[in-house]
Amino acid sequence: MDAKKGKERDYSRLTAVGRGLVIGLFVGVVISLFRLLIMKGLLFVQWFFGQAHQHVWLLGVWILISLVLTIVVGRLIKQTPEIKGSGIPQVEGQLMGELDYHWWPVLWKKFVGGVLSIGSGLFLGREGPSIQLGATVGQGVAAVTHNTGSQRRLMIASGASAGLSAAFNAPIASTLFILEEVYHNFSTLIWLSALASALTANFVSTAVFGLTPVLHINYFASLPLSQYGLLLILGLVLGLLGRLYQSVVLRVGDWYHKLTWLPDQYYSIIALLLLMPVAWYLPSVLGGGNGLIVSLGMHTPSALILLGLFVLRFAYSMIAYGTGLPGGIFLPILTLGAVFGAFFGKLMVLWQLTRPAYVPIFIIAAMAGYFAGISKAPFTAILLITEMVGSLHHLMPLAVVSLIAYVTVDLLNGAPVYAAMLEKMQTPAQRHLTDEVGHMEIPVMANSVLDGKQVREVTWPQGALLTEIHRGERHIVPRGDTLIRVGDLLIVHSPLDQNESVRQELLKMNGS
């Protein structure tokens, strides 16, 4: 019987990989087209404002274009509110069983709305929408193949991983981001399927866009240990700025709601019109910012210009994201980190505390640190920047800055930004529970009160039923005397109407 079970487990893993490959192929095609259209849109906007310097009347045409974009995207948002914003909180809600939506309307409307919004030059990122588009493709494949419950969630997670991988050409970090930040689950089937889909999508994307890393930055010196004190200061400041970012990005939507004379879905007209002076004077800084990051690695402006650029991008990214347009904060966060890292490096050079050759290292480390603090996903931040920059030589500076930024945000009671967005967007009227919402997976952490206790010794939340314990390769049916250990994955069921309260109580017991 054990041999039979082993074969079944092997078959299930092979099936998970196969599904991941299929989903990754579809997602790679969708996201590559998404990236390509956004790139063409941004180039058009930069060309358009270049022409406007010779033909000022074109500014009037831009106002008309802004009105058309506002109306078109606004109607898409009104019809399908799930396409608003980044999309990562929506995917996280799906995987947690706290909300759901039909895949096809979200897929095509997020695609069209994202191309129009991000391609317009606004300071929005393509990565969040790419994750939701990928997840929606996975959901569509699940619907076509009639997979439900945990298999459906597995396919959604695989699609999300593939979406980020195709957007950033970073398959390993994309897999880890979905596991660490979105799904909060490291079970074997999930990471196998997510990695397979991420690699396949990355293969498709690389075939379209080439092998050069998205944020390739050249640097010619390794940071000596004597300079690591500066990394501690950089991490601390990034943590403070990251907490500020969290506070503002979670409130900017409420500030827009005070404009009672303008319907919610048409807030984008404000961002598009305010973009005009930036597009007129600084067309090179438009968009999510990957081109700006690469240019900083080649030619770094003065500290004063960099400080002004940081303030400008911070303000305009908030203005753009607060409108609810289909666009993310992922790449804008990395861009802000890179700009601040360049500012910090230039300032240290000015004060004769470091050498100009080390400035690119501060740029790279600051990207990871700023993202680690805001998202509270430090491992993803380290791997993501490593893959996107294309070098392993800066791992130690990345780790130091990410750790300090993370701890600083944590001490300031900052929550992971995407989880906070999910909590903020959910209301009783908006919540749609899935068919498997009673199933949850809780990993036992090192500081959990569950560690070392027998099942019978735990005061379980009312309505919670522990049905299985995953311990490495073993699946244990729990008994009263079964000992719970760190690293175990607890499979818990609860009534649908008690699911959220049970989850929160278990997370509190787990020290999360």
Protein backbone atom coordinates (compact mmCIF):
# COMPACT_ATOMS: atom_id res chain seq x y z
CA MET A 1 0.00 0.00 0.00
CA ASP A 2 2.86 2.38 0.82
CA ALA A 3 4.41 1.72 -2.57
CA LYS A 4 1.10 2.46 -4.23
CA LYS A 5 0.77 5.72 -2.34
CA GLY A 6 4.32 6.67 -3.33
CA LYS A 7 3.46 6.15 -6.98
CA GLU A 8 0.35 8.28 -6.62
CA ARG A 9 2.38 11.05 -5.03
CA ASP A 10 4.91 10.89 -7.85
CA TYR A 11 2.11 10.99 -10.40
CA SER A 12 0.52 14.00 -8.71
CA ARG A 13 3.83 15.86 -8.82
CA LEU A 14 4.32 15.04 -12.47
CA THR A 15 0.78 16.25 -13.15
CA ALA A 16 1.49 19.49 -11.27
CA VAL A 17 4.59 20.10 -13.37
CA GLY A 18 2.67 19.34 -16.56
CA ARG A 19 -0.07 21.80 -15.64
CA GLY A 20 2.55 24.38 -14.77
CA LEU A 21 4.18 24.00 -18.18
CA VAL A 22 0.87 24.46 -20.00
CA ILE A 23 -0.16 27.45 -17.91
CA GLY A 24 3.30 29.00 -18.25
CA LEU A 25 3.14 28.74 -22.02
CA PHE A 26 -0.20 30.55 -22.22
CA VAL A 27 0.82 33.16 -19.67
CA GLY A 28 4.15 33.78 -21.41
CA VAL A 29 2.35 34.64 -24.64
CA VAL A 30 -0.21 36.89 -22.93
CA ILE A 31 2.30 38.81 -20.81
CA SER A 32 4.83 39.19 -23.62
CA LEU A 33 2.13 40.82 -25.74
CA PHE A 34 1.13 42.92 -22.72
CA ARG A 35 4.73 44.13 -22.25
CA LEU A 36 5.18 44.81 -25.93
CA LEU A 37 2.05 46.96 -26.23
CA ILE A 38 2.92 48.94 -23.09
CA MET A 39 6.42 49.56 -24.44
CA LYS A 40 5.00 50.80 -27.76
CA GLY A 41 2.52 53.03 -25.92
CA LEU A 42 5.24 54.63 -23.81
CA LEU A 43 7.42 55.26 -26.87
CA PHE A 44 4.43 56.89 -28.58
CA VAL A 45 3.77 59.20 -25.61
CA GLN A 46 7.44 60.27 -25.49
CA TRP A 47 7.43 60.90 -29.26
CA PHE A 48 4.11 62.77 -29.00
CA PHE A 49 5.39 65.24 -26.41
CA GLY A 50 8.60 65.63 -28.38
CA GLN A 51 6.45 66.73 -31.32
CA ALA A 52 4.46 69.02 -29.03
CA HIS A 53 7.55 71.17 -28.54
CA GLN A 54 7.28 72.08 -32.22
CA HIS A 55 3.46 72.03 -32.37
CA VAL A 56 2.01 73.33 -29.10
CA TRP A 57 -1.54 72.67 -30.28
CA LEU A 58 -0.84 68.96 -29.73
CA LEU A 59 -1.30 69.60 -25.99
CA GLY A 60 -4.99 70.11 -26.76
CA VAL A 61 -4.98 66.76 -28.52
CA TRP A 62 -3.45 65.17 -25.40
CA ILE A 63 -6.32 66.56 -23.33
CA LEU A 64 -8.78 64.87 -25.72
CA ILE A 65 -6.77 61.63 -25.56
CA SER A 66 -6.87 61.85 -21.75
CA LEU A 67 -10.65 62.22 -21.80
CA VAL A 68 -11.08 59.23 -24.10
CA LEU A 69 -8.73 57.07 -21.98
CA THR A 70 -10.56 58.12 -18.82
CA ILE A 71 -13.96 57.22 -20.23
CA VAL A 72 -12.88 53.90 -21.77
CA VAL A 73 -10.91 52.63 -18.77
CA GLY A 74 -13.46 54.10 -16.35
CA ARG A 75 -16.25 52.08 -17.92
CA LEU A 76 -14.16 48.92 -17.76
CA ILE A 77 -13.53 49.53 -14.06
CA LYS A 78 -17.20 50.23 -13.36
CA GLN A 79 -18.26 47.03 -15.14
CA THR A 80 -15.57 44.89 -13.47
CA PRO A 81 -14.17 46.47 -10.28
CA GLU A 82 -11.80 43.52 -9.80
CA ILE A 83 -9.44 44.96 -12.44
CA LYS A 84 -8.65 48.02 -10.32
CA GLY A 85 -5.14 48.69 -9.09
CA SER A 86 -2.27 46.26 -8.89
CA GLY A 87 -4.22 43.00 -8.89
CA ILE A 88 -1.93 41.29 -6.40
CA PRO A 89 -4.33 41.77 -3.44
CA GLN A 90 -7.12 40.25 -5.55
CA VAL A 91 -5.00 37.20 -6.32
CA GLU A 92 -4.02 36.86 -2.67
CA GLY A 93 -7.70 37.04 -1.72
CA GLN A 94 -8.51 34.30 -4.23
CA LEU A 95 -5.79 32.00 -2.92
CA MET A 96 -6.91 32.60 0.68
CA GLY A 97 -10.50 31.84 -0.30
CA GLU A 98 -11.76 35.28 0.69
CA LEU A 99 -12.97 36.53 -2.70
CA ASP A 100 -13.50 35.29 -6.22
CA TYR A 101 -14.48 36.49 -9.69
CA HIS A 102 -15.16 35.25 -13.22
CA TRP A 103 -11.92 34.88 -15.13
CA TRP A 104 -12.73 35.96 -18.69
CA PRO A 105 -14.04 39.52 -18.05
CA VAL A 106 -11.12 40.20 -15.71
CA LEU A 107 -8.60 38.81 -18.19
CA TRP A 108 -9.47 40.91 -21.22
CA LYS A 109 -10.49 44.06 -19.33
CA LYS A 110 -7.35 44.03 -17.17
CA PHE A 111 -5.30 43.53 -20.32
CA VAL A 112 -6.90 46.40 -22.23
CA GLY A 113 -7.13 48.68 -19.20
CA GLY A 114 -3.53 47.94 -18.21
CA VAL A 115 -2.16 48.66 -21.69
CA LEU A 116 -4.04 51.97 -21.88
CA SER A 117 -3.18 53.06 -18.32
CA ILE A 118 0.46 51.99 -18.08
CA GLY A 119 1.21 52.71 -21.72
CA SER A 120 0.01 56.30 -21.25
CA GLY A 121 3.22 57.12 -19.37
CA LEU A 122 1.76 57.23 -15.87
CA PHE A 123 4.05 56.11 -13.06
CA LEU A 124 2.48 52.65 -12.83
CA GLY A 125 4.08 49.21 -13.02
CA ARG A 126 3.18 46.29 -15.28
CA GLU A 127 4.18 43.61 -12.77
CA GLY A 128 1.12 43.62 -10.51
CA PRO A 129 -1.28 43.46 -13.47
CA SER A 130 0.94 40.75 -15.00
CA ILE A 131 0.51 38.67 -11.84
CA GLN A 132 -3.28 39.05 -11.96
CA LEU A 133 -3.38 38.35 -15.70
CA GLY A 134 -1.29 35.22 -15.16
CA ALA A 135 -3.47 34.10 -12.25
CA THR A 136 -6.57 34.67 -14.36
CA VAL A 137 -5.13 32.58 -17.19
CA GLY A 138 -4.49 29.82 -14.64
CA GLN A 139 -8.07 30.20 -13.41
CA GLY A 140 -9.29 29.94 -17.01
CA VAL A 141 -7.31 26.74 -17.60
CA ALA A 142 -8.80 25.34 -14.38
CA ALA A 143 -12.30 26.22 -15.58
CA VAL A 144 -11.77 24.63 -18.99
CA THR A 145 -10.33 21.45 -17.44
CA HIS A 146 -13.02 21.39 -14.71
CA ASN A 147 -10.53 21.59 -11.82
CA THR A 148 -11.93 22.94 -8.56
CA GLY A 149 -10.91 23.46 -4.96
CA SER A 150 -7.24 23.04 -4.10
CA GLN A 151 -6.30 22.08 -7.67
CA ARG A 152 -7.88 25.30 -8.93
CA ARG A 153 -5.93 27.35 -6.39
CA LEU A 154 -2.76 25.55 -7.40
CA MET A 155 -3.31 26.57 -11.02
CA ILE A 156 -4.09 30.17 -10.05
CA ALA A 157 -0.84 30.34 -8.06
CA SER A 158 1.09 28.84 -10.99
CA GLY A 159 -0.36 31.44 -13.35
CA ALA A 160 0.53 34.24 -10.96
CA SER A 161 4.13 33.03 -10.73
CA ALA A 162 4.33 32.81 -14.52
CA GLY A 163 2.92 36.33 -14.88
CA LEU A 164 5.60 37.91 -12.72
CA SER A 165 8.31 35.80 -14.36
CA ALA A 166 7.30 36.93 -17.85
CA ALA A 167 7.14 40.54 -16.70
CA PHE A 168 10.56 40.59 -15.02
CA ASN A 169 12.41 37.60 -16.56
CA ALA A 170 13.07 36.41 -13.01
CA PRO A 171 11.58 32.90 -12.63
CA ILE A 172 13.14 31.91 -9.31
CA ALA A 173 12.25 35.15 -7.53
CA SER A 174 8.78 35.06 -9.08
CA THR A 175 8.15 31.61 -7.66
CA LEU A 176 9.39 32.68 -4.24
CA PHE A 177 7.27 35.86 -4.30
CA ILE A 178 4.09 33.87 -4.88
CA LEU A 179 5.00 31.41 -2.13
CA GLU A 180 6.29 33.98 0.38
CA GLU A 181 4.04 36.98 -0.15
CA VAL A 182 0.88 35.89 -1.99
CA TYR A 183 0.06 32.25 -1.19
CA HIS A 184 1.99 31.91 2.12
CA ASN A 185 2.47 28.23 1.36
CA PHE A 186 5.61 26.23 0.50
CA SER A 187 4.11 22.79 -0.10
CA THR A 188 5.81 20.62 -2.70
CA LEU A 189 3.03 20.55 -5.29
CA ILE A 190 2.68 24.33 -5.20
CA TRP A 191 6.34 25.20 -5.67
CA LEU A 192 6.80 22.53 -8.33
CA SER A 193 3.90 23.82 -10.40
CA ALA A 194 4.76 27.48 -9.78
CA LEU A 195 8.40 26.98 -10.76
CA ALA A 196 7.51 25.01 -13.89
CA SER A 197 5.10 27.71 -15.04
CA ALA A 198 7.57 30.51 -14.19
CA LEU A 199 10.38 28.86 -16.17
CA THR A 200 8.14 28.26 -19.19
CA ALA A 201 6.80 31.82 -19.18
CA ASN A 202 10.33 33.16 -18.81
CA PHE A 203 11.42 31.08 -21.82
CA VAL A 204 8.66 32.63 -23.95
CA SER A 205 9.39 36.15 -22.70
CA THR A 206 13.13 35.75 -23.25
CA ALA A 207 12.48 34.59 -26.82
CA VAL A 208 10.62 37.86 -27.43
CA PHE A 209 12.74 40.37 -25.49
CA GLY A 210 16.18 38.78 -25.40
CA LEU A 211 18.52 37.50 -22.70
CA THR A 212 19.68 40.83 -21.28
CA PRO A 213 18.42 41.21 -17.66
CA VAL A 214 15.60 43.75 -17.29
CA LEU A 215 17.58 45.98 -14.91
CA HIS A 216 21.12 45.23 -16.01
CA ILE A 217 23.51 47.61 -14.22
CA ASN A 218 27.26 47.49 -14.72
CA TYR A 219 29.54 48.05 -11.76
CA PHE A 220 33.28 47.71 -11.57
CA ALA A 221 34.09 47.26 -7.88
CA SER A 222 32.88 45.18 -4.94
CA LEU A 223 31.94 47.01 -1.76
CA PRO A 224 34.64 46.53 0.91
CA LEU A 225 33.63 45.57 4.44
CA SER A 226 34.77 48.97 5.69
CA GLN A 227 31.80 50.50 3.80
CA TYR A 228 29.11 48.29 5.39
CA GLY A 229 28.35 50.89 8.03
CA LEU A 230 26.90 53.00 5.22
CA LEU A 231 24.66 50.05 4.26
CA LEU A 232 23.24 50.01 7.79
CA ILE A 233 22.36 53.69 7.51
CA LEU A 234 20.89 53.17 4.04
CA GLY A 235 18.72 50.28 5.27
CA LEU A 236 17.45 52.32 8.22
CA VAL A 237 16.49 55.30 6.05
CA LEU A 238 14.85 53.03 3.47
CA GLY A 239 12.83 51.43 6.25
CA LEU A 240 11.57 54.84 7.37
CA LEU A 241 10.75 55.83 3.79
CA GLY A 242 9.11 52.45 3.23
CA ARG A 243 6.81 52.94 6.19
CA LEU A 244 5.93 56.39 4.83
CA TYR A 245 5.16 54.81 1.46
CA GLN A 246 2.86 52.24 3.07
CA SER A 247 0.97 54.94 4.96
CA VAL A 248 0.45 57.14 1.91
CA VAL A 249 -0.42 54.42 -0.61
CA LEU A 250 -3.10 53.02 1.72
CA ARG A 251 -4.67 56.46 2.20
CA VAL A 252 -4.41 58.07 -1.22
CA GLY A 253 -7.61 56.38 -2.39
CA ASP A 254 -9.50 57.91 0.54
CA TRP A 255 -8.18 61.34 -0.42
CA TYR A 256 -9.55 60.89 -3.92
CA HIS A 257 -12.95 59.96 -2.46
CA LYS A 258 -13.22 63.48 -1.07
CA LEU A 259 -13.68 64.68 -4.67
CA THR A 260 -17.42 64.04 -4.53
CA TRP A 261 -18.04 65.92 -7.79
CA LEU A 262 -16.12 63.30 -9.81
CA PRO A 263 -17.27 59.65 -10.12
CA ASP A 264 -14.75 57.15 -8.74
CA GLN A 265 -14.04 55.48 -12.07
CA TYR A 266 -13.01 58.78 -13.68
CA TYR A 267 -10.31 59.86 -11.22
CA SER A 268 -7.71 59.03 -13.86
CA ILE A 269 -8.37 62.32 -15.70
CA ILE A 270 -6.58 64.10 -12.84
CA ALA A 271 -3.46 61.94 -13.13
CA LEU A 272 -3.37 62.18 -16.93
CA LEU A 273 -3.64 65.97 -16.94
CA LEU A 274 -1.07 66.38 -14.15
CA LEU A 275 1.28 64.19 -16.17
CA MET A 276 1.55 66.83 -18.90
CA PRO A 277 4.27 69.01 -17.32
CA VAL A 278 6.38 65.92 -16.54
CA ALA A 279 5.98 64.60 -20.10
CA TRP A 280 6.84 68.07 -21.44
CA TYR A 281 10.03 68.62 -19.43
CA LEU A 282 11.16 65.08 -18.44
CA PRO A 283 9.81 62.52 -20.93
CA SER A 284 12.62 60.10 -20.09
CA VAL A 285 11.24 59.49 -16.57
CA LEU A 286 7.75 58.46 -17.72
CA GLY A 287 6.35 54.99 -17.06
CA GLY A 288 7.17 52.35 -14.46
CA GLY A 289 10.85 53.26 -14.42
CA ASN A 290 12.93 50.34 -15.70
CA GLY A 291 14.59 52.55 -18.34
CA LEU A 292 15.36 55.14 -15.67
CA ILE A 293 16.97 52.53 -13.42
CA VAL A 294 19.25 51.30 -16.21
CA SER A 295 20.22 54.89 -17.09
CA LEU A 296 21.18 55.58 -13.47
CA GLY A 297 23.66 52.74 -13.68
CA MET A 298 25.29 54.31 -16.74
CA HIS A 299 25.15 58.00 -15.80
CA THR A 300 24.21 59.21 -12.33
CA PRO A 301 23.02 62.85 -12.03
CA SER A 302 23.88 65.14 -9.12
CA ALA A 303 22.52 64.49 -5.63
CA LEU A 304 20.17 67.49 -5.82
CA ILE A 305 18.62 66.32 -9.10
CA LEU A 306 18.21 62.80 -7.70
CA LEU A 307 16.47 64.09 -4.58
CA GLY A 308 14.06 66.09 -6.73
CA LEU A 309 13.45 63.06 -8.93
CA PHE A 310 12.68 60.92 -5.87
CA VAL A 311 10.11 63.41 -4.60
CA LEU A 312 8.61 63.75 -8.08
CA ARG A 313 8.23 60.02 -8.65
CA PHE A 314 6.93 59.44 -5.13
CA ALA A 315 4.20 62.06 -5.56
CA TYR A 316 3.21 61.14 -9.11
CA SER A 317 3.16 57.40 -8.45
CA MET A 318 0.72 58.03 -5.58
CA ILE A 319 -1.40 60.27 -7.79
CA ALA A 320 -1.53 57.58 -10.48
CA TYR A 321 -2.12 54.59 -8.19
CA GLY A 322 -4.79 56.35 -6.15
CA THR A 323 -7.01 56.67 -9.22
CA GLY A 324 -7.64 52.92 -9.20
CA LEU A 325 -6.32 52.46 -12.74
CA PRO A 326 -5.18 48.95 -13.68
CA GLY A 327 -1.51 49.40 -12.83
CA GLY A 328 0.83 48.35 -10.06
CA ILE A 329 3.37 49.68 -7.58
CA PHE A 330 5.92 46.88 -7.94
CA LEU A 331 8.27 48.50 -10.45
CA PRO A 332 7.65 52.08 -9.18
CA ILE A 333 8.84 50.88 -5.74
CA LEU A 334 12.04 49.50 -7.26
CA THR A 335 12.53 52.73 -9.20
CA LEU A 336 12.13 54.84 -6.07
CA GLY A 337 14.63 52.60 -4.30
CA ALA A 338 17.12 52.94 -7.15
CA VAL A 339 16.77 56.74 -7.26
CA PHE A 340 17.22 57.04 -3.50
CA GLY A 341 20.18 54.65 -3.59
CA ALA A 342 21.82 56.82 -6.25
CA PHE A 343 21.09 59.94 -4.16
CA PHE A 344 22.55 58.30 -1.05
CA GLY A 345 25.64 57.15 -2.95
CA LYS A 346 26.22 60.59 -4.49
CA LEU A 347 25.79 62.22 -1.10
CA MET A 348 28.36 59.88 0.46
CA VAL A 349 30.76 60.68 -2.40
CA LEU A 350 30.18 64.40 -1.84
CA TRP A 351 30.99 63.97 1.85
CA GLN A 352 34.03 61.87 0.89
CA LEU A 353 32.73 58.80 2.74
CA THR A 354 32.80 56.51 -0.30
CA ARG A 355 34.11 56.29 -3.87
CA PRO A 356 32.12 56.98 -7.08
CA ALA A 357 32.75 53.39 -8.19
CA TYR A 358 30.52 52.14 -5.33
CA VAL A 359 27.45 54.22 -6.28
CA PRO A 360 25.96 51.46 -8.52
CA ILE A 361 26.10 49.06 -5.57
CA PHE A 362 24.08 51.48 -3.44
CA ILE A 363 21.55 51.71 -6.30
CA ILE A 364 21.18 47.93 -6.48
CA ALA A 365 21.02 47.42 -2.71
CA ALA A 366 18.48 50.21 -2.24
CA MET A 367 16.09 48.64 -4.76
CA ALA A 368 16.05 45.44 -2.72
CA GLY A 369 15.86 47.24 0.62
CA TYR A 370 12.97 49.51 -0.32
CA PHE A 371 10.95 46.63 -1.74
CA ALA A 372 11.79 44.35 1.22
CA GLY A 373 10.55 46.96 3.69
CA ILE A 374 7.33 47.84 1.87
CA SER A 375 6.32 44.31 0.87
CA LYS A 376 7.92 42.62 3.91
CA ALA A 377 9.21 39.92 1.60
CA PRO A 378 13.01 40.18 2.03
CA PHE A 379 13.98 36.88 0.40
CA THR A 380 11.98 37.74 -2.69
CA ALA A 381 13.59 41.19 -2.78
CA ILE A 382 17.11 39.77 -2.65
CA LEU A 383 16.53 37.12 -5.30
CA LEU A 384 14.47 39.42 -7.51
CA ILE A 385 17.12 42.11 -7.76
CA THR A 386 19.83 39.50 -8.21
CA GLU A 387 18.02 37.96 -11.17
CA MET A 388 16.98 41.29 -12.67
CA VAL A 389 20.44 42.84 -12.43
CA GLY A 390 22.12 39.63 -13.57
CA SER A 391 24.92 39.27 -11.02
CA LEU A 392 25.59 37.37 -7.79
CA HIS A 393 28.43 39.60 -6.57
CA HIS A 394 26.22 41.97 -4.58
CA LEU A 395 24.28 39.42 -2.49
CA MET A 396 25.81 40.49 0.83
CA PRO A 397 25.00 44.22 0.46
CA LEU A 398 21.48 43.29 -0.71
CA ALA A 399 20.93 41.07 2.32
CA VAL A 400 22.21 43.66 4.81
CA VAL A 401 20.10 46.52 3.45
CA SER A 402 16.99 44.32 3.05
CA LEU A 403 17.24 43.00 6.59
CA ILE A 404 17.67 46.45 8.17
CA ALA A 405 14.83 47.94 6.09
CA TYR A 406 12.54 45.02 6.95
CA VAL A 407 13.24 45.24 10.69
CA THR A 408 12.74 49.02 10.66
CA VAL A 409 9.32 48.75 9.00
CA ASP A 410 8.39 45.91 11.36
CA LEU A 411 9.31 47.98 14.44
CA LEU A 412 7.09 50.76 13.06
CA ASN A 413 4.16 48.29 12.88
CA GLY A 414 4.12 48.23 9.09
CA ALA A 415 2.16 45.37 7.53
CA PRO A 416 2.91 43.73 4.17
CA VAL A 417 1.50 46.27 1.74
CA TYR A 418 -0.42 43.83 -0.46
CA ALA A 419 -2.06 42.12 2.52
CA ALA A 420 -3.02 45.54 3.88
CA MET A 421 -4.50 46.47 0.50
CA LEU A 422 -6.54 43.25 0.48
CA GLU A 423 -7.88 43.96 3.96
CA LYS A 424 -8.73 47.52 2.98
CA MET A 425 -10.58 46.57 -0.20
CA GLN A 426 -12.73 43.92 1.44
CA THR A 427 -16.16 44.79 2.78
CA PRO A 428 -19.07 42.44 3.58
CA ALA A 429 -20.79 43.60 0.38
CA GLN A 430 -17.73 42.87 -1.77
CA ARG A 431 -16.58 39.55 -0.33
CA HIS A 432 -17.28 36.47 -2.42
CA LEU A 433 -16.30 33.19 -0.85
CA THR A 434 -15.09 30.31 -2.93
CA ASP A 435 -16.32 26.75 -2.83
CA GLU A 436 -13.29 25.63 -0.78
CA VAL A 437 -13.06 28.53 1.62
CA GLY A 438 -13.23 26.22 4.61
CA HIS A 439 -9.82 24.74 3.72
CA MET A 440 -6.74 26.57 5.01
CA GLU A 441 -3.06 25.71 5.34
CA ILE A 442 -1.16 27.06 8.36
CA PRO A 443 2.65 26.60 8.57
CA VAL A 444 4.03 26.22 12.10
CA MET A 445 6.60 28.96 12.70
CA ALA A 446 9.58 28.97 15.07
CA ASN A 447 7.85 31.26 17.58
CA SER A 448 4.51 29.45 17.47
CA VAL A 449 2.81 28.34 20.70
CA LEU A 450 1.82 25.22 18.76
CA ASP A 451 5.42 23.99 18.55
CA GLY A 452 6.08 21.00 20.80
CA LYS A 453 2.44 20.48 21.82
CA GLN A 454 0.30 17.44 21.29
CA VAL A 455 -2.88 18.00 19.26
CA ARG A 456 -5.04 17.39 22.35
CA GLU A 457 -3.13 20.06 24.32
CA VAL A 458 -4.02 22.85 21.89
CA THR A 459 -7.11 24.96 22.52
CA TRP A 460 -8.28 25.09 18.91
CA PRO A 461 -10.53 27.94 17.75
CA GLN A 462 -14.23 27.15 17.75
CA GLY A 463 -15.17 25.53 14.45
CA ALA A 464 -11.58 24.52 13.54
CA LEU A 465 -10.92 20.92 12.54
CA LEU A 466 -7.32 19.74 12.06
CA THR A 467 -7.55 17.11 9.31
CA GLU A 468 -3.94 16.52 8.26
CA ILE A 469 -0.33 17.45 9.04
CA HIS A 470 2.25 17.70 6.24
CA ARG A 471 5.76 17.08 7.58
CA GLY A 472 8.22 17.14 4.71
CA GLU A 473 7.31 14.21 2.46
CA ARG A 474 4.98 12.66 5.04
CA HIS A 475 1.24 13.24 5.32
CA ILE A 476 0.12 12.51 8.89
CA VAL A 477 -3.46 11.91 9.99
CA PRO A 478 -3.43 13.60 13.42
CA ARG A 479 -4.43 11.88 16.65
CA GLY A 480 -4.70 13.34 20.11
CA ASP A 481 -1.11 12.42 20.98
CA THR A 482 0.41 13.59 17.66
CA LEU A 483 3.21 16.08 18.36
CA ILE A 484 3.21 19.33 16.38
CA ARG A 485 6.63 20.56 15.29
CA VAL A 486 8.16 23.65 13.68
CA GLY A 487 7.93 23.35 9.90
CA ASP A 488 4.71 21.35 9.93
CA LEU A 489 1.95 22.45 7.58
CA LEU A 490 -1.42 22.15 9.29
CA ILE A 491 -4.45 21.45 7.08
CA VAL A 492 -7.47 22.94 8.87
CA HIS A 493 -11.13 23.05 7.88
CA SER A 494 -13.83 25.30 9.32
CA PRO A 495 -17.43 26.33 8.53
CA LEU A 496 -17.62 28.93 5.79
CA ASP A 497 -19.08 31.62 8.01
CA GLN A 498 -16.29 31.15 10.60
CA ASN A 499 -13.37 30.82 8.21
CA GLU A 500 -11.84 34.28 8.63
CA SER A 501 -12.12 34.33 12.42
CA VAL A 502 -10.58 30.86 12.64
CA ARG A 503 -7.74 31.86 10.32
CA GLN A 504 -6.92 34.99 12.31
CA GLU A 505 -6.96 33.10 15.61
CA LEU A 506 -4.64 30.40 14.26
CA LEU A 507 -2.26 32.99 12.83
CA LYS A 508 -2.18 34.73 16.22
CA MET A 509 -1.37 31.43 17.93
CA ASN A 510 1.29 30.88 15.28
CA GLY A 511 2.98 34.20 16.05
CA SER A 512 2.23 35.56 12.54
